C-alpha atoms as a PDB file:
ATOM      1  CA  MET A   1     -17.480  -8.143  16.693  1.00  0.00           C
ATOM      2  CA  LYS A   2     -18.726 -10.615  19.235  1.00  0.00           C
ATOM      3  CA  GLU A   3     -16.906 -12.788  21.753  1.00  0.00           C
ATOM      4  CA  MET A   4     -17.711 -16.479  22.037  1.00  0.00           C
ATOM      5  CA  ARG A   5     -16.275 -19.053  24.439  1.00  0.00           C
ATOM      6  CA  TYR A   6     -15.612 -22.609  23.348  1.00  0.00           C
ATOM      7  CA  ASN A   7     -15.217 -25.608  25.642  1.00  0.00           C
ATOM      8  CA  PRO A   8     -12.206 -27.917  25.366  1.00  0.00           C
ATOM      9  CA  GLY A   9     -12.809 -30.334  22.483  1.00  0.00           C
ATOM     10  CA  GLU A  10     -15.548 -28.179  20.964  1.00  0.00           C
ATOM     11  CA  ILE A  11     -15.366 -27.617  17.196  1.00  0.00           C
ATOM     12  CA  ILE A  12     -15.049 -23.983  16.155  1.00  0.00           C
ATOM     13  CA  ILE A  13     -14.818 -24.562  12.380  1.00  0.00           C
ATOM     14  CA  LYS A  14     -15.748 -27.835  10.665  1.00  0.00           C
ATOM     15  CA  GLU A  15     -13.913 -28.856   7.502  1.00  0.00           C
ATOM     16  CA  GLY A  16     -16.160 -28.836   4.427  1.00  0.00           C
ATOM     17  CA  THR A  17     -18.676 -26.325   5.785  1.00  0.00           C
ATOM     18  CA  PHE A  18     -19.063 -22.857   4.371  1.00  0.00           C
ATOM     19  CA  GLY A  19     -17.998 -20.012   6.606  1.00  0.00           C
ATOM     20  CA  ASP A  20     -18.660 -16.326   6.826  1.00  0.00           C
ATOM     21  CA  SER A  21     -16.574 -15.548   9.907  1.00  0.00           C
ATOM     22  CA  ALA A  22     -12.987 -14.852  10.873  1.00  0.00           C
ATOM     23  CA  PHE A  23     -11.733 -15.506  14.396  1.00  0.00           C
ATOM     24  CA  ILE A  24      -9.224 -13.955  16.781  1.00  0.00           C
ATOM     25  CA  LEU A  25      -7.966 -16.397  19.406  1.00  0.00           C
ATOM     26  CA  LYS A  26      -7.422 -14.243  22.491  1.00  0.00           C
ATOM     27  CA  GLN A  27      -6.347 -16.953  24.912  1.00  0.00           C
ATOM     28  CA  GLY A  28      -5.575 -20.656  24.840  1.00  0.00           C
ATOM     29  CA  SER A  29      -4.926 -22.901  21.860  1.00  0.00           C
ATOM     30  CA  VAL A  30      -6.711 -24.370  18.864  1.00  0.00           C
ATOM     31  CA  GLU A  31      -5.942 -27.562  16.956  1.00  0.00           C
ATOM     32  CA  VAL A  32      -6.077 -27.600  13.133  1.00  0.00           C
ATOM     33  CA  ARG A  33      -6.886 -30.969  11.505  1.00  0.00           C
ATOM     34  CA  LYS A  34      -7.594 -32.111   7.959  1.00  0.00           C
ATOM     35  CA  LYS A  35      -9.185 -35.402   6.928  1.00  0.00           C
ATOM     36  CA  THR A  36      -7.309 -37.515   4.407  1.00  0.00           C
ATOM     37  CA  ASN A  37      -8.195 -40.908   2.918  1.00  0.00           C
ATOM     38  CA  VAL A  38      -6.029 -42.558   5.559  1.00  0.00           C
ATOM     39  CA  GLU A  39      -6.177 -40.426   8.711  1.00  0.00           C
ATOM     40  CA  ASP A  40      -7.194 -37.299  10.518  1.00  0.00           C
ATOM     41  CA  LEU A  41      -3.992 -35.284   9.984  1.00  0.00           C
ATOM     42  CA  LEU A  42      -2.835 -32.733  12.560  1.00  0.00           C
ATOM     43  CA  LEU A  43      -1.713 -29.669  10.580  1.00  0.00           C
ATOM     44  CA  ALA A  44      -0.954 -27.234  13.388  1.00  0.00           C
ATOM     45  CA  THR A  45      -1.641 -26.092  16.902  1.00  0.00           C
ATOM     46  CA  LEU A  46      -2.368 -22.376  17.106  1.00  0.00           C
ATOM     47  CA  GLU A  47      -1.561 -20.471  20.284  1.00  0.00           C
ATOM     48  CA  ALA A  48      -3.065 -17.133  21.281  1.00  0.00           C
ATOM     49  CA  PRO A  49      -2.886 -14.544  19.971  1.00  0.00           C
ATOM     50  CA  GLU A  50      -3.777 -15.809  16.487  1.00  0.00           C
ATOM     51  CA  ILE A  51      -6.168 -14.967  13.667  1.00  0.00           C
ATOM     52  CA  PHE A  52      -7.773 -17.830  11.724  1.00  0.00           C
ATOM     53  CA  GLY A  53     -10.679 -18.538   9.393  1.00  0.00           C
ATOM     54  CA  GLU A  54     -10.145 -15.295   7.499  1.00  0.00           C
ATOM     55  CA  MET A  55     -10.546 -16.980   4.111  1.00  0.00           C
ATOM     56  CA  GLY A  56     -14.217 -17.458   5.011  1.00  0.00           C
ATOM     57  CA  LEU A  57     -14.571 -13.681   4.679  1.00  0.00           C
ATOM     58  CA  ILE A  58     -12.960 -13.604   1.255  1.00  0.00           C
ATOM     59  CA  GLU A  59     -13.804 -16.811  -0.606  1.00  0.00           C
ATOM     60  CA  ASP A  60     -17.090 -18.591  -1.068  1.00  0.00           C
ATOM     61  CA  LYS A  61     -15.484 -22.024  -0.638  1.00  0.00           C
ATOM     62  CA  PRO A  62     -15.770 -24.741   2.007  1.00  0.00           C
ATOM     63  CA  ARG A  63     -13.491 -24.586   5.034  1.00  0.00           C
ATOM     64  CA  SER A  64     -10.254 -26.482   4.391  1.00  0.00           C
ATOM     65  CA  ALA A  65      -9.720 -27.819   7.934  1.00  0.00           C
ATOM     66  CA  THR A  66     -11.402 -28.421  11.276  1.00  0.00           C
ATOM     67  CA  MET A  67     -10.469 -26.127  14.168  1.00  0.00           C
ATOM     68  CA  THR A  68     -11.038 -27.451  17.688  1.00  0.00           C
ATOM     69  CA  CYS A  69     -10.575 -25.739  21.061  1.00  0.00           C
ATOM     70  CA  LEU A  70      -7.621 -27.459  22.693  1.00  0.00           C
ATOM     71  CA  SER A  71      -7.287 -25.509  25.936  1.00  0.00           C
ATOM     72  CA  LYS A  72      -8.056 -26.934  29.339  1.00  0.00           C
ATOM     73  CA  MET A  73     -10.364 -23.983  29.872  1.00  0.00           C
ATOM     74  CA  LYS A  74     -12.780 -22.160  27.587  1.00  0.00           C
ATOM     75  CA  CYS A  75     -11.175 -20.337  24.625  1.00  0.00           C
ATOM     76  CA  PRO A  76     -12.341 -16.724  24.323  1.00  0.00           C
ATOM     77  CA  ILE A  77     -12.579 -16.001  20.598  1.00  0.00           C
ATOM     78  CA  MET A  78     -13.699 -12.832  18.834  1.00  0.00           C
ATOM     79  CA  PHE A  79     -15.439 -13.310  15.517  1.00  0.00           C
ATOM     80  CA  LEU A  80     -16.660 -11.105  12.712  1.00  0.00           C
ATOM     81  CA  LYS A  81     -19.257 -12.191  10.148  1.00  0.00           C
ATOM     82  CA  THR A  82     -19.507 -11.056   6.546  1.00  0.00           C
ATOM     83  CA  THR A  83     -23.270 -10.762   6.941  1.00  0.00           C
ATOM     84  CA  CYS A  84     -22.607  -7.615   8.970  1.00  0.00           C
ATOM     85  CA  LEU A  85     -20.092  -6.047   6.611  1.00  0.00           C
ATOM     86  CA  SER A  86     -19.029  -6.317   3.000  1.00  0.00           C
ATOM     87  CA  THR A  87     -15.759  -8.146   2.290  1.00  0.00           C
ATOM     88  CA  TYR A  88     -14.145  -4.860   1.250  1.00  0.00           C
ATOM     89  CA  THR A  89     -15.176  -3.226   4.518  1.00  0.00           C
ATOM     90  CA  VAL A  90     -13.975  -6.177   6.585  1.00  0.00           C
ATOM     91  CA  ILE A  91     -10.550  -6.260   4.952  1.00  0.00           C
ATOM     92  CA  ASN A  92     -10.087  -2.500   5.218  1.00  0.00           C
ATOM     93  CA  SER A  93     -11.891  -1.874   8.482  1.00  0.00           C
ATOM     94  CA  MET A  94      -9.895   0.140  10.997  1.00  0.00           C
ATOM     95  CA  TYR A  95     -11.955  -1.447  13.749  1.00  0.00           C
ATOM     96  CA  TRP A  96     -11.041  -4.975  12.649  1.00  0.00           C
ATOM     97  CA  THR A  97      -7.398  -4.022  12.177  1.00  0.00           C
ATOM     98  CA  GLY A  98      -7.294  -2.266  15.529  1.00  0.00           C
ATOM     99  CA  ALA A  99      -8.869  -5.232  17.294  1.00  0.00           C
ATOM    100  CA  ALA A 100      -6.460  -7.649  15.635  1.00  0.00           C
ATOM    101  CA  VAL A 101      -3.438  -5.505  16.484  1.00  0.00           C
ATOM    102  CA  SER A 102      -4.520  -5.079  20.118  1.00  0.00           C
ATOM    103  CA  VAL A 103      -4.872  -8.855  20.484  1.00  0.00           C
ATOM    104  CA  LEU A 104      -1.506  -9.523  18.879  1.00  0.00           C
ATOM    105  CA  LEU A 105       0.398  -6.980  21.012  1.00  0.00           C
END
């Protein structure tokens, strides 16, 4: 796992791109938006602690929404890539589960 910091307004996940990472939002907030024919629709605002992007570890499909750092300060986010581990290992990893639980507690 690696920690990244995103600036306010910076895109973390872009809708339509392929992903191979899941994210744990440790602090701050993230906005979730989806493009429609008419508008850029706000789906949700995620507040820390939160896990997102996990479907990128499981499915080989494009991301379904854009995630943008919304905080007034940098968002510290942990991420894990499938290139490092197999999907089975990621889903069942005690390390991943332990990290997720420690963030959520």
